[in-house]
Protein backbone atom coordinates (compact mmCIF):
# COMPACT_ATOMS: atom_id res chain seq x y z
CA UNK A 1 124.06 153.06 84.96
CA UNK A 2 123.62 150.96 81.87
CA UNK A 3 124.64 152.50 78.58
CA UNK A 4 122.39 152.70 75.57
CA UNK A 5 123.01 149.51 73.64
CA UNK A 6 121.83 148.67 70.14
CA UNK A 7 119.17 146.04 69.92
CA UNK A 8 116.55 145.29 67.35
CA UNK A 9 113.11 143.91 67.94
CA UNK A 10 112.90 140.15 67.65
CA UNK A 11 109.76 140.65 65.62
CA UNK A 12 107.23 143.29 64.77
CA UNK A 13 103.81 143.56 66.36
CA UNK A 14 102.11 141.31 63.86
CA UNK A 15 101.73 137.58 63.81
CA UNK A 16 102.84 136.02 67.10
CA UNK A 17 104.93 132.87 67.39
CA UNK A 18 102.06 131.05 69.06
CA UNK A 19 98.79 129.92 67.55
CA UNK A 20 96.92 131.70 70.34
CA UNK A 21 98.83 134.87 69.53
CA UNK A 22 98.07 134.51 65.85
CA UNK A 23 94.36 134.37 66.57
CA UNK A 24 94.59 137.32 68.94
CA UNK A 25 96.39 139.31 66.25
CA UNK A 26 93.61 138.48 63.81
CA UNK A 27 90.83 139.36 66.24
CA UNK A 28 92.30 142.73 67.21
CA UNK A 29 94.05 143.76 64.02
CA UNK A 30 93.39 147.33 62.93
CA UNK A 31 93.40 146.13 59.31
CA UNK A 32 90.42 144.22 57.92
CA UNK A 33 91.44 140.66 57.12
CA UNK A 34 91.00 139.40 53.58
CA UNK A 35 88.47 136.59 53.39
CA UNK A 36 91.05 133.99 52.39
CA UNK A 37 93.46 135.19 55.07
CA UNK A 38 90.70 134.82 57.65
CA UNK A 39 89.96 131.35 56.33
CA UNK A 40 93.64 130.42 56.66
CA UNK A 41 93.64 131.55 60.29
CA UNK A 42 90.51 129.52 60.92
CA UNK A 43 92.41 126.45 59.70
CA UNK A 44 95.20 127.27 62.17
CA UNK A 45 92.64 127.52 64.95
CA UNK A 46 91.27 124.12 63.97
CA UNK A 47 94.77 122.62 64.10
CA UNK A 48 94.71 121.82 60.38
CA UNK A 49 98.26 123.05 59.83
CA UNK A 50 99.09 121.55 56.39
CA UNK A 51 95.84 122.92 55.02
CA UNK A 52 96.54 126.30 56.65
CA UNK A 53 99.99 126.51 55.04
CA UNK A 54 98.53 125.67 51.64
CA UNK A 55 95.82 128.28 52.10
CA UNK A 56 98.30 130.98 53.18
CA UNK A 57 100.48 130.24 50.16
CA UNK A 58 97.58 130.33 47.75
CA UNK A 59 96.42 133.63 49.20
CA UNK A 60 99.95 135.06 49.27
CA UNK A 61 100.52 134.20 45.60
CA UNK A 62 97.38 136.20 44.84
CA UNK A 63 99.07 139.19 46.46
CA UNK A 64 97.54 139.31 49.95
CA UNK A 65 100.18 141.15 51.99
CA UNK A 66 98.80 139.80 55.28
CA UNK A 67 99.29 136.22 54.16
CA UNK A 68 102.71 137.07 52.78
CA UNK A 69 103.74 138.58 56.12
CA UNK A 70 102.27 135.60 57.96
CA UNK A 71 104.31 133.20 55.82
CA UNK A 72 107.42 135.24 56.60
CA UNK A 73 106.89 134.69 60.29
CA UNK A 74 105.97 131.04 59.84
CA UNK A 75 109.23 130.33 58.02
CA UNK A 76 111.33 132.58 60.25
CA UNK A 77 110.25 130.91 63.49
CA UNK A 78 109.34 127.45 62.22
CA UNK A 79 105.67 127.63 63.18
CA UNK A 80 102.80 125.16 62.73
CA UNK A 81 104.95 122.27 61.57
CA UNK A 82 107.13 124.16 59.10
CA UNK A 83 110.93 124.00 59.31
CA UNK A 84 112.74 127.29 59.85
CA UNK A 85 113.93 128.82 56.61
CA UNK A 86 115.36 132.33 56.84
CA UNK A 87 115.66 132.72 53.07
CA UNK A 88 111.98 131.95 52.46
CA UNK A 89 111.03 134.16 55.41
CA UNK A 90 112.90 137.10 53.88
CA UNK A 91 111.32 136.48 50.48
CA UNK A 92 107.78 136.57 51.85
CA UNK A 93 108.51 139.53 54.11
CA UNK A 94 109.84 141.43 51.11
CA UNK A 95 106.68 140.80 49.07
CA UNK A 96 104.53 142.12 51.91
CA UNK A 97 106.91 144.98 52.71
CA UNK A 98 106.89 146.20 49.12
CA UNK A 99 103.12 146.48 49.40
CA UNK A 100 103.50 148.71 52.45
CA UNK A 101 102.85 146.16 55.23
CA UNK A 102 104.52 147.89 58.20
CA UNK A 103 105.11 144.74 60.27
CA UNK A 104 106.77 143.06 57.32
CA UNK A 105 108.91 146.14 56.68
CA UNK A 106 110.24 146.07 60.21
CA UNK A 107 110.80 142.33 60.16
CA UNK A 108 112.68 142.61 56.88
CA UNK A 109 114.79 145.30 58.53
CA UNK A 110 115.59 142.86 61.34
CA UNK A 111 116.60 140.24 58.78
CA UNK A 112 118.98 142.70 57.12
CA UNK A 113 120.44 143.91 60.42
CA UNK A 114 121.15 140.36 61.57
CA UNK A 115 122.09 138.95 58.17
CA UNK A 116 119.37 136.29 58.42
CA UNK A 117 118.18 135.03 55.05
CA UNK A 118 119.75 138.03 53.33
CA UNK A 119 123.27 139.50 53.31
CA UNK A 120 123.83 141.63 56.38
CA UNK A 121 123.27 145.24 55.39
CA UNK A 122 122.76 147.89 58.04
CA UNK A 123 121.79 150.56 55.52
CA UNK A 124 119.02 148.34 54.14
CA UNK A 125 117.91 147.56 57.69
CA UNK A 126 117.64 151.27 58.50
CA UNK A 127 115.77 151.93 55.26
CA UNK A 128 113.12 149.32 56.02
CA UNK A 129 112.85 150.43 59.64
CA UNK A 130 112.21 153.94 58.37
CA UNK A 131 109.39 152.84 56.08
CA UNK A 132 107.64 151.12 59.00
CA UNK A 133 108.46 153.93 61.42
CA UNK A 134 106.95 156.54 59.12
CA UNK A 135 103.74 154.54 59.19
CA UNK A 136 103.72 154.91 62.97
CA UNK A 137 104.87 151.43 64.01
CA UNK A 138 106.33 152.05 67.48
CA UNK A 139 108.75 149.13 67.57
CA UNK A 140 110.21 150.22 64.22
CA UNK A 141 110.52 153.79 65.49
CA UNK A 142 112.50 152.49 68.44
CA UNK A 143 114.72 150.40 66.17
CA UNK A 144 115.39 153.38 63.92
CA UNK A 145 116.22 155.45 66.99
CA UNK A 146 118.74 152.81 68.01
CA UNK A 147 120.35 152.93 64.57
CA UNK A 148 120.79 156.70 64.87
CA UNK A 149 122.02 156.48 68.47
CA UNK A 150 124.78 154.07 67.49
CA UNK A 151 125.49 155.20 63.93
CA UNK A 152 124.51 151.86 62.40
CA UNK A 153 123.34 152.09 58.81
CA UNK A 154 122.89 155.85 59.18
CA UNK A 155 125.14 158.68 60.37
CA UNK A 156 125.28 158.84 64.14
CA UNK A 157 122.81 161.51 65.21
CA UNK A 158 121.68 161.72 68.83
CA UNK A 159 118.99 164.29 68.09
CA UNK A 160 117.42 162.03 65.46
CA UNK A 161 117.69 159.13 67.89
CA UNK A 162 115.77 161.09 70.53
CA UNK A 163 113.15 162.10 67.96
CA UNK A 164 112.38 158.49 67.04
CA UNK A 165 112.65 157.20 70.60
CA UNK A 166 110.15 159.84 71.69
CA UNK A 167 107.66 158.90 68.95
CA UNK A 168 107.76 155.28 70.07
CA UNK A 169 107.82 156.11 73.79
CA UNK A 170 104.74 158.28 73.51
CA UNK A 171 102.94 155.28 72.02
CA UNK A 172 103.84 153.27 75.13
CA UNK A 173 106.77 151.26 73.76
CA UNK A 174 108.69 150.22 76.89
CA UNK A 175 112.03 149.75 75.11
CA UNK A 176 111.82 153.28 73.73
CA UNK A 177 110.77 154.70 77.09
CA UNK A 178 113.83 153.19 78.71
CA UNK A 179 116.06 154.34 75.84
CA UNK A 180 114.69 157.87 76.05
CA UNK A 181 115.37 157.80 79.78
CA UNK A 182 118.99 156.91 79.05
CA UNK A 183 119.30 159.85 76.67
CA UNK A 184 117.99 162.25 79.33
CA UNK A 185 120.20 160.70 82.01
CA UNK A 186 123.35 161.20 79.93
CA UNK A 187 122.34 164.42 78.21
CA UNK A 188 122.70 162.85 74.78
CA UNK A 189 120.59 164.49 72.09
CA UNK A 190 118.67 166.41 74.75
CA UNK A 191 119.66 168.61 77.70
CA UNK A 192 120.61 166.44 80.65
CA UNK A 193 117.58 166.08 82.88
CA UNK A 194 117.54 163.49 85.64
CA UNK A 195 113.90 164.13 86.47
CA UNK A 196 112.87 163.37 82.90
CA UNK A 197 115.11 160.30 82.93
CA UNK A 198 113.34 159.01 86.03
CA UNK A 199 109.93 159.72 84.52
CA UNK A 200 110.66 157.68 81.39
CA UNK A 201 112.36 154.88 83.32
CA UNK A 202 109.29 154.67 85.52
CA UNK A 203 106.93 154.38 82.55
CA UNK A 204 108.94 151.44 81.21
CA UNK A 205 109.50 149.93 84.65
CA UNK A 206 105.78 149.98 85.37
CA UNK A 207 105.34 147.87 82.24
CA UNK A 208 107.76 145.29 83.62
CA UNK A 209 110.87 146.31 81.66
CA UNK A 210 113.70 144.75 83.68
CA UNK A 211 116.46 147.09 82.49
CA UNK A 212 114.33 150.12 83.24
CA UNK A 213 113.59 148.73 86.69
CA UNK A 214 117.33 148.42 87.29
CA UNK A 215 117.90 151.97 86.04
CA UNK A 216 115.16 153.30 88.28
CA UNK A 217 116.70 151.48 91.22
CA UNK A 218 120.05 153.10 90.46
CA UNK A 219 118.43 156.54 90.42
CA UNK A 220 116.88 155.94 93.85
CA UNK A 221 120.14 154.55 95.20
CA UNK A 222 122.10 157.63 94.15
CA UNK A 223 119.33 160.19 94.72
CA UNK A 224 119.48 161.32 91.10
CA UNK A 225 116.24 162.82 89.82
CA UNK A 226 114.42 161.54 92.93
CA UNK A 227 115.06 161.79 96.67
CA UNK A 228 117.63 159.21 97.71
CA UNK A 229 115.79 156.15 98.99
CA UNK A 230 117.58 152.86 99.46
CA UNK A 231 114.36 151.02 100.24
CA UNK A 232 112.88 152.07 96.91
CA UNK A 233 116.13 151.13 95.18
CA UNK A 234 115.91 147.63 96.66
CA UNK A 235 112.27 147.31 95.60
CA UNK A 236 113.12 148.07 91.95
CA UNK A 237 116.27 145.94 91.96
CA UNK A 238 114.18 143.08 93.24
CA UNK A 239 111.63 143.45 90.44
CA UNK A 240 114.40 143.29 87.86
CA UNK A 241 116.15 140.43 89.66
CA UNK A 242 112.94 138.41 89.68
CA UNK A 243 112.90 138.67 85.89
CA UNK A 244 116.36 137.12 85.70
CA UNK A 245 118.43 140.28 85.20
CA UNK A 246 121.91 139.24 86.35
CA UNK A 247 123.08 142.80 86.99
CA UNK A 248 120.11 143.48 89.23
CA UNK A 249 120.68 140.22 91.09
CA UNK A 250 124.28 141.18 91.74
CA UNK A 251 123.44 144.70 92.91
CA UNK A 252 120.60 143.44 95.09
CA UNK A 253 123.09 141.04 96.63
CA UNK A 254 125.36 143.98 97.41
CA UNK A 255 122.47 145.77 99.13
CA UNK A 256 121.92 142.72 101.35
CA UNK A 257 125.65 142.46 102.03
CA UNK A 258 125.81 146.07 103.20
CA UNK A 259 122.40 146.24 104.87
CA UNK A 260 121.50 149.12 102.56
CA UNK A 261 117.74 149.53 102.26
CA UNK A 262 117.22 146.01 103.58
CA UNK A 263 118.33 143.95 106.56
CA UNK A 264 121.96 142.87 106.28
CA UNK A 265 122.13 139.20 105.36
CA UNK A 266 125.24 137.59 103.94
CA UNK A 267 123.47 134.36 103.07
CA UNK A 268 121.04 136.14 100.76
CA UNK A 269 123.80 138.36 99.40
CA UNK A 270 125.94 135.37 98.53
CA UNK A 271 123.01 133.44 97.03
CA UNK A 272 122.01 136.31 94.75
CA UNK A 273 125.53 137.00 93.54
CA UNK A 274 126.23 133.31 93.04
CA UNK A 275 123.09 133.14 90.89
CA UNK A 276 124.13 136.22 88.92
CA UNK A 277 127.53 134.65 88.19
CA UNK A 278 125.85 131.71 86.43
CA UNK A 279 124.21 134.11 83.95
CA UNK A 280 127.22 136.31 83.20
CA UNK A 281 129.93 136.01 80.59
CA UNK A 282 133.16 134.27 81.56
CA UNK A 283 135.11 137.42 82.41
CA UNK A 284 132.42 138.90 84.65
CA UNK A 285 131.74 135.50 86.23
CA UNK A 286 135.40 135.27 87.28
CA UNK A 287 135.23 138.68 88.93
CA UNK A 288 132.04 137.67 90.70
CA UNK A 289 133.75 134.48 91.88
CA UNK A 290 136.48 136.58 93.51
CA UNK A 291 133.82 138.71 95.21
CA UNK A 292 132.12 135.57 96.49
CA UNK A 293 135.43 134.32 97.85
CA UNK A 294 135.84 137.53 99.83
CA UNK A 295 132.36 137.10 101.25
CA UNK A 296 133.17 133.56 102.31
CA UNK A 297 135.95 134.89 104.53
CA UNK A 298 133.27 136.52 106.67
CA UNK A 299 130.90 133.53 106.64
CA UNK A 300 130.73 130.29 108.56
CA UNK A 301 130.65 126.95 106.70
CA UNK A 302 126.97 126.63 107.61
CA UNK A 303 126.21 130.04 106.15
CA UNK A 304 127.98 129.14 102.92
CA UNK A 305 126.04 125.90 102.72
CA UNK A 306 122.77 127.74 103.32
CA UNK A 307 123.66 130.34 100.70
CA UNK A 308 124.44 127.72 98.09
CA UNK A 309 121.21 125.89 98.83
CA UNK A 310 119.26 129.15 98.52
CA UNK A 311 121.00 129.94 95.24
CA UNK A 312 120.06 126.51 93.89
CA UNK A 313 116.44 127.06 94.92
CA UNK A 314 116.41 130.43 93.15
CA UNK A 315 117.85 128.85 90.02
CA UNK A 316 115.56 125.82 90.00
CA UNK A 317 112.33 127.71 90.68
CA UNK A 318 113.12 131.01 89.03
CA UNK A 319 111.31 132.64 91.95
CA UNK A 320 113.88 135.02 93.43
CA UNK A 321 111.65 137.04 95.72
CA UNK A 322 109.62 134.09 96.94
CA UNK A 323 112.81 132.16 97.69
CA UNK A 324 114.19 135.08 99.72
CA UNK A 325 110.93 135.50 101.63
CA UNK A 326 110.75 131.80 102.39
CA UNK A 327 114.34 131.78 103.61
CA UNK A 328 113.75 134.83 105.82
CA UNK A 329 110.74 133.10 107.34
CA UNK A 330 113.19 130.62 108.86
CA UNK A 331 114.92 133.44 110.75
CA UNK A 332 113.24 134.10 114.13
CA UNK A 333 112.36 137.74 113.44
CA UNK A 334 113.40 140.38 110.95
CA UNK A 335 114.98 142.32 113.79
CA UNK A 336 117.28 139.44 114.64
CA UNK A 337 117.98 138.32 111.08
CA UNK A 338 121.42 139.91 111.01
CA UNK A 339 122.38 138.52 114.40
CA UNK A 340 121.02 135.08 113.63
CA UNK A 341 122.92 134.85 110.37
CA UNK A 342 126.16 136.11 111.83
CA UNK A 343 126.09 133.91 114.93
CA UNK A 344 125.51 130.54 113.29
CA UNK A 345 128.27 128.45 114.74
CA UNK A 346 130.24 125.83 112.92
CA UNK A 347 129.65 122.24 113.99
CA UNK A 348 131.64 121.05 116.96
CA UNK A 349 134.98 119.64 115.94
CA UNK A 350 137.36 117.25 117.60
CA UNK A 351 140.89 118.44 116.99
CA UNK A 352 144.42 117.91 118.15
CA UNK A 353 144.79 121.25 119.91
CA UNK A 354 146.56 122.92 116.99
CA UNK A 355 143.48 123.42 114.82
CA UNK A 356 143.95 120.18 112.89
CA UNK A 357 141.28 117.49 113.01
CA UNK A 358 141.85 114.35 115.05
CA UNK A 359 143.78 111.37 113.68
CA UNK A 360 141.31 109.00 112.06
CA UNK A 361 141.34 105.28 112.85
CA UNK A 362 143.29 103.07 110.48
CA UNK A 363 141.38 100.89 108.08
CA UNK A 364 142.99 97.91 106.35
CA UNK A 365 144.01 98.67 102.77
CA UNK A 366 142.66 102.26 102.86
CA UNK A 367 144.31 105.60 103.54
CA UNK A 368 142.05 107.49 105.91
CA UNK A 369 142.02 111.17 106.72
CA UNK A 370 139.96 113.81 108.45
CA UNK A 371 139.61 117.12 106.63
CA UNK A 372 138.39 120.37 108.07
CA UNK A 373 137.89 123.47 105.90
CA UNK A 374 136.90 127.03 106.54
CA UNK A 375 136.02 128.24 103.09
CA UNK A 376 139.16 127.53 101.02
CA UNK A 377 141.52 127.14 103.98
CA UNK A 378 141.77 123.40 104.75
CA UNK A 379 143.59 121.27 107.30
CA UNK A 380 143.93 117.52 106.97
CA UNK A 381 145.16 114.83 109.34
CA UNK A 382 146.03 111.37 108.02
CA UNK A 383 145.73 108.04 109.80
CA UNK A 384 149.54 107.89 110.17
CA UNK A 385 149.60 111.21 112.01
CA UNK A 386 150.74 113.36 109.07
CA UNK A 387 149.24 116.84 108.93
CA UNK A 388 148.70 118.96 105.87
CA UNK A 389 147.43 122.47 105.33
CA UNK A 390 146.24 123.44 101.84
CA UNK A 391 143.88 125.58 99.82
CA UNK A 392 140.78 123.97 98.36
CA UNK A 393 140.17 124.60 94.71
CA UNK A 394 137.16 126.66 93.58
CA UNK A 395 134.71 124.41 91.78
CA UNK A 396 131.74 125.41 89.68
CA UNK A 397 129.12 122.71 89.42
CA UNK A 398 127.27 123.05 86.07
CA UNK A 399 124.45 120.83 87.28
CA UNK A 400 123.63 122.84 90.39
CA UNK A 401 125.04 126.13 89.02
CA UNK A 402 126.85 126.84 92.26
CA UNK A 403 130.37 127.81 93.21
CA UNK A 404 131.77 125.48 95.87
CA UNK A 405 135.14 124.43 97.24
CA UNK A 406 136.74 121.11 96.38
CA UNK A 407 139.10 119.79 99.03
CA UNK A 408 139.81 116.59 97.09
CA UNK A 409 140.20 113.11 98.55
CA UNK A 410 142.77 111.53 100.79
């Protein structure tokens, strides 16, 4: 089960990084927009970006906290034709934050936590998060909970962490719901309660939170807080995998490899875990490569080829579930999927009776050979009758993002 890790919101729930989002934020903002701020947004809508920037600045200089906060986001993310400038972003956020603008307070906290545009200062980050959190901003409440959970900028205090996570979770913040679930699952800051953990994971998972979907899958797989149900575990792993969660892709691959909650299928298992390896750090990727090698020992060359092709399709399209469903549609029936995948035979080979390929014909000025590999185990026969047995080298192709075997040339 994933541990509670510290993360801060990329941005508060104010101005979005897209023009469409900016206009949505204006239309649905709980705060009445100042006339000049509204006029500045109208210029954005009209695509008159230089005029919009000038208008925001003029309004911000007059003390409009909304325009000040908007300029902070414009400079932080490099919006509407402006170059990114973390220092200017922090300056404008500070002006708005000091006037009590909650979104700007949280964003300034993020700047301090990451050391972007200001010296990194966890205590300052926590202080600004608190100001926004006390105004009821859910994302800031979750960030402050994370600071307490990990003892960053404040003394480590699991009870305080739970308090702030709960405030945010009850407002529907998916990150906080998942974090609160973790606290219940581990009994940190609250009595251990698997049922409560599942309930909070589910709230976040239903909102599309990939990590919560993985956590919920793990609870179903182990029967913790819910009746054990491998089929449900697979369903939640798949949702997380489809969002690109490498851990979920790897675990879903293991479910296919073992036929746990889903029909056993080594091709799909290999494809998913090969995909997960491309998204993992170097150390984990190496471990995954070893796991893939073990799988290859139970697969035919055709299966490996099919698995690598499926992995490439998943990577190129980003459609994990659709790729799996399309692949399974090529298998005669679901009932025979396991048999069909395990009985794919290797292509007919002409050999010398000892497992080595036949001697190739000689060609003037060229050394010819026939090579035959089963996974990494290769046999080669040269045109002069020499025979060689060797291990192919694992090769990761950065263009196709697939692990293959390289038997070299003659």
